[in-house]
Amino acid sequence: MINFVKNVITFYLDKQSIPNITDLELTSDLLRWESKSCFITIFKNGNIRGSAGTIKELSNSLAKEIISNTVDAISRDSRFGELKKEELADIKLRLDIISDRKIYQDKIENINPVKNWVAVIKKDYSKLSVLLPNISATLVSGKDIISVLSQKLDEEFKQDDYIVYLLETQQFTDY
């Protein structure tokens, strides 16, 4: 799976265009036939260099989701500039395929950020934030989630103003 992500990155950087499924080798039936959502995270020197994903699948194949989210992570994450070819040797990849999602109604302080994904969507749909499990050494308790979400959302996170999802994933990395 990670090799597929690498192939998307290489194709995009070499050709400056988004690959079609037919441009890449599909090594898994899961890529071709399963409709799943996923999240791509690019790391450089231990820090996030780009990320993008979907909580709900938008296409009929995981391969299409991976292609779209990978291109978004390397070229459209507004926090970073577009990934350059010379950075390829310094990046690490993480692919999370979402296997389950459910609305979480308990207090967010009870979530374990080492094991659980958290996605929050403001009830008026004006803001969204996602926290991957075990993404930072500073996230050790549910209380830490609140401060990180407040920073990412650029406002004080108040759980009553948001729909909170707990996500489960299958994770693939090259580190």
Protein backbone atom coordinates (compact mmCIF):
# COMPACT_ATOMS: atom_id res chain seq x y z
CA MET A 1 0.00 0.00 0.00
CA ILE A 2 2.77 2.45 0.87
CA ASN A 3 4.47 1.67 -2.45
CA PHE A 4 1.28 2.74 -4.21
CA VAL A 5 1.41 6.09 -2.35
CA LYS A 6 5.09 6.47 -3.31
CA ASN A 7 4.23 5.76 -6.95
CA VAL A 8 1.53 8.46 -6.88
CA ILE A 9 4.03 10.97 -5.47
CA THR A 10 6.72 10.07 -8.00
CA PHE A 11 4.29 10.23 -10.93
CA TYR A 12 2.91 13.58 -9.83
CA LEU A 13 6.32 15.16 -9.25
CA ASP A 14 7.77 13.76 -12.51
CA LYS A 15 4.84 14.60 -14.79
CA GLN A 16 3.21 17.48 -12.86
CA SER A 17 -0.15 15.82 -13.39
CA ILE A 18 -2.49 13.66 -11.36
CA PRO A 19 -2.16 9.99 -12.30
CA ASN A 20 -5.13 7.89 -13.37
CA ILE A 21 -5.49 4.41 -11.96
CA THR A 22 -4.32 3.03 -15.32
CA ASP A 23 -1.03 4.96 -14.94
CA LEU A 24 -0.11 2.99 -11.82
CA GLU A 25 0.27 -0.67 -10.95
CA LEU A 26 -2.46 -1.96 -8.64
CA THR A 27 -1.01 -4.70 -6.47
CA SER A 28 -4.09 -5.36 -4.38
CA ASP A 29 -7.74 -6.07 -5.11
CA LEU A 30 -8.48 -3.87 -2.11
CA LEU A 31 -7.14 -0.91 -4.08
CA ARG A 32 -9.19 -1.71 -7.14
CA TRP A 33 -12.56 -2.81 -5.79
CA GLU A 34 -13.03 -1.60 -2.22
CA SER A 35 -14.70 1.73 -1.55
CA LYS A 36 -12.89 3.07 1.52
CA SER A 37 -11.85 6.43 2.82
CA CYS A 38 -8.29 7.14 3.81
CA PHE A 39 -5.88 9.69 5.14
CA ILE A 40 -2.33 10.35 3.89
CA THR A 41 0.27 11.98 6.12
CA ILE A 42 3.69 13.07 4.87
CA PHE A 43 6.47 13.56 7.45
CA LYS A 44 9.80 15.31 7.06
CA ASN A 45 12.39 15.25 9.85
CA GLY A 46 9.75 13.87 12.22
CA ASN A 47 7.28 16.70 11.58
CA ILE A 48 4.13 16.72 9.48
CA ARG A 49 4.95 18.03 6.00
CA GLY A 50 1.49 17.59 4.52
CA SER A 51 -1.71 15.67 5.03
CA ALA A 52 -5.08 15.15 3.43
CA GLY A 53 -7.89 12.69 3.68
CA THR A 54 -11.53 11.88 3.68
CA ILE A 55 -13.65 10.67 6.54
CA LYS A 56 -16.32 9.39 4.17
CA GLU A 57 -15.32 7.83 0.86
CA LEU A 58 -15.89 10.03 -2.16
CA SER A 59 -15.18 7.54 -4.94
CA ASN A 60 -15.82 3.90 -5.73
CA SER A 61 -12.26 2.67 -5.23
CA LEU A 62 -9.61 3.00 -2.57
CA ALA A 63 -7.02 3.62 -5.30
CA LYS A 64 -8.86 6.77 -6.40
CA GLU A 65 -9.10 7.96 -2.79
CA ILE A 66 -5.37 7.37 -2.25
CA ILE A 67 -4.45 9.18 -5.48
CA SER A 68 -6.61 12.19 -4.66
CA ASN A 69 -5.54 12.44 -1.02
CA THR A 70 -1.86 11.91 -1.80
CA VAL A 71 -1.85 14.69 -4.40
CA ASP A 72 -3.69 16.95 -1.95
CA ALA A 73 -1.19 16.14 0.83
CA ILE A 74 1.84 16.97 -1.31
CA SER A 75 0.46 19.95 -3.22
CA ARG A 76 -2.65 21.44 -1.65
CA ASP A 77 -2.14 21.42 2.11
CA SER A 78 -2.38 25.15 2.77
CA ARG A 79 0.01 24.93 5.72
CA PHE A 80 2.92 23.96 3.46
CA GLY A 81 4.26 24.64 0.01
CA GLU A 82 4.17 21.99 -2.67
CA LEU A 83 6.53 19.06 -2.06
CA LYS A 84 9.69 19.26 -4.19
CA LYS A 85 11.55 16.35 -5.81
CA GLU A 86 14.64 17.08 -3.73
CA GLU A 87 12.61 16.43 -0.56
CA LEU A 88 11.69 12.86 -1.54
CA ALA A 89 14.69 11.28 0.20
CA ASP A 90 13.73 13.00 3.47
CA ILE A 91 10.04 12.11 3.71
CA LYS A 92 8.21 9.31 5.49
CA LEU A 93 4.66 8.23 4.74
CA ARG A 94 1.65 7.10 6.67
CA LEU A 95 -1.53 5.77 5.11
CA ASP A 96 -4.57 5.24 7.31
CA ILE A 97 -7.49 3.36 5.77
CA ILE A 98 -10.64 4.07 7.74
CA SER A 99 -12.34 0.85 8.79
CA ASP A 100 -14.99 2.25 11.12
CA ARG A 101 -16.40 5.60 12.11
CA LYS A 102 -18.99 6.41 14.71
CA ILE A 103 -20.31 9.49 16.37
CA TYR A 104 -18.77 9.84 19.80
CA GLN A 105 -21.09 11.19 22.48
CA ASP A 106 -19.03 10.79 25.63
CA LYS A 107 -16.67 13.49 26.89
CA ILE A 108 -13.71 14.02 24.60
CA GLU A 109 -11.45 13.92 27.66
CA ASN A 110 -12.12 10.17 27.81
CA ILE A 111 -10.59 9.47 24.41
CA ASN A 112 -7.12 7.92 24.30
CA PRO A 113 -5.16 9.96 21.72
CA VAL A 114 -2.47 7.30 21.51
CA LYS A 115 -4.96 4.75 20.16
CA ASN A 116 -7.93 6.65 18.73
CA TRP A 117 -8.56 8.98 15.81
CA VAL A 118 -10.70 12.00 16.44
CA ALA A 119 -12.50 14.00 13.77
CA VAL A 120 -14.57 17.03 14.71
CA ILE A 121 -16.95 18.97 12.49
CA LYS A 122 -18.55 22.18 13.65
CA LYS A 123 -22.34 21.79 13.63
CA ASP A 124 -22.67 24.64 11.12
CA TYR A 125 -20.03 22.84 8.94
CA SER A 126 -17.72 25.85 8.99
CA LYS A 127 -14.75 24.03 10.56
CA LEU A 128 -13.25 20.57 10.55
CA SER A 129 -10.21 19.07 12.21
CA VAL A 130 -8.74 15.60 12.40
CA LEU A 131 -6.26 14.19 14.91
CA LEU A 132 -4.54 10.94 14.04
CA PRO A 133 -3.71 8.50 16.81
CA ASN A 134 -0.21 8.57 18.19
CA ILE A 135 0.63 11.57 16.01
CA SER A 136 2.51 13.56 18.63
CA ALA A 137 4.37 12.84 21.84
CA THR A 138 2.53 15.81 23.39
CA LEU A 139 -0.86 14.09 22.99
CA VAL A 140 -1.05 11.74 25.95
CA SER A 141 -4.52 12.34 27.37
CA GLY A 142 -7.97 13.45 26.30
CA LYS A 143 -7.37 16.86 27.87
CA ASP A 144 -4.46 17.31 25.45
CA ILE A 145 -6.88 16.72 22.57
CA ILE A 146 -8.89 19.81 23.56
CA SER A 147 -5.88 22.13 23.52
CA VAL A 148 -4.63 20.79 20.18
CA LEU A 149 -8.10 21.07 18.62
CA SER A 150 -8.43 24.64 19.90
CA GLN A 151 -5.13 25.51 18.25
CA LYS A 152 -5.97 23.74 14.97
CA LEU A 153 -9.47 25.21 14.78
CA ASP A 154 -8.27 28.68 15.76
CA GLU A 155 -10.96 28.95 18.43
CA GLU A 156 -11.71 27.49 21.82
CA PHE A 157 -12.95 23.94 21.25
CA LYS A 158 -16.35 23.46 22.88
CA GLN A 159 -17.61 19.94 22.37
CA ASP A 160 -21.28 20.98 22.31
CA ASP A 161 -20.59 23.03 19.16
CA TYR A 162 -19.12 20.06 17.28
CA ILE A 163 -19.98 16.61 15.99
CA VAL A 164 -17.22 14.31 17.25
CA TYR A 165 -16.31 11.13 15.40
CA LEU A 166 -14.16 8.32 16.69
CA LEU A 167 -12.42 6.55 13.83
CA GLU A 168 -10.67 3.21 13.55
CA THR A 169 -8.07 2.63 10.88
CA GLN A 170 -5.72 0.16 9.36
CA GLN A 171 -2.33 1.86 9.28
CA PHE A 172 0.55 1.46 6.82
CA THR A 173 3.89 3.29 7.14
CA ASP A 174 7.39 3.26 5.72
CA TYR A 175 9.01 4.08 9.05
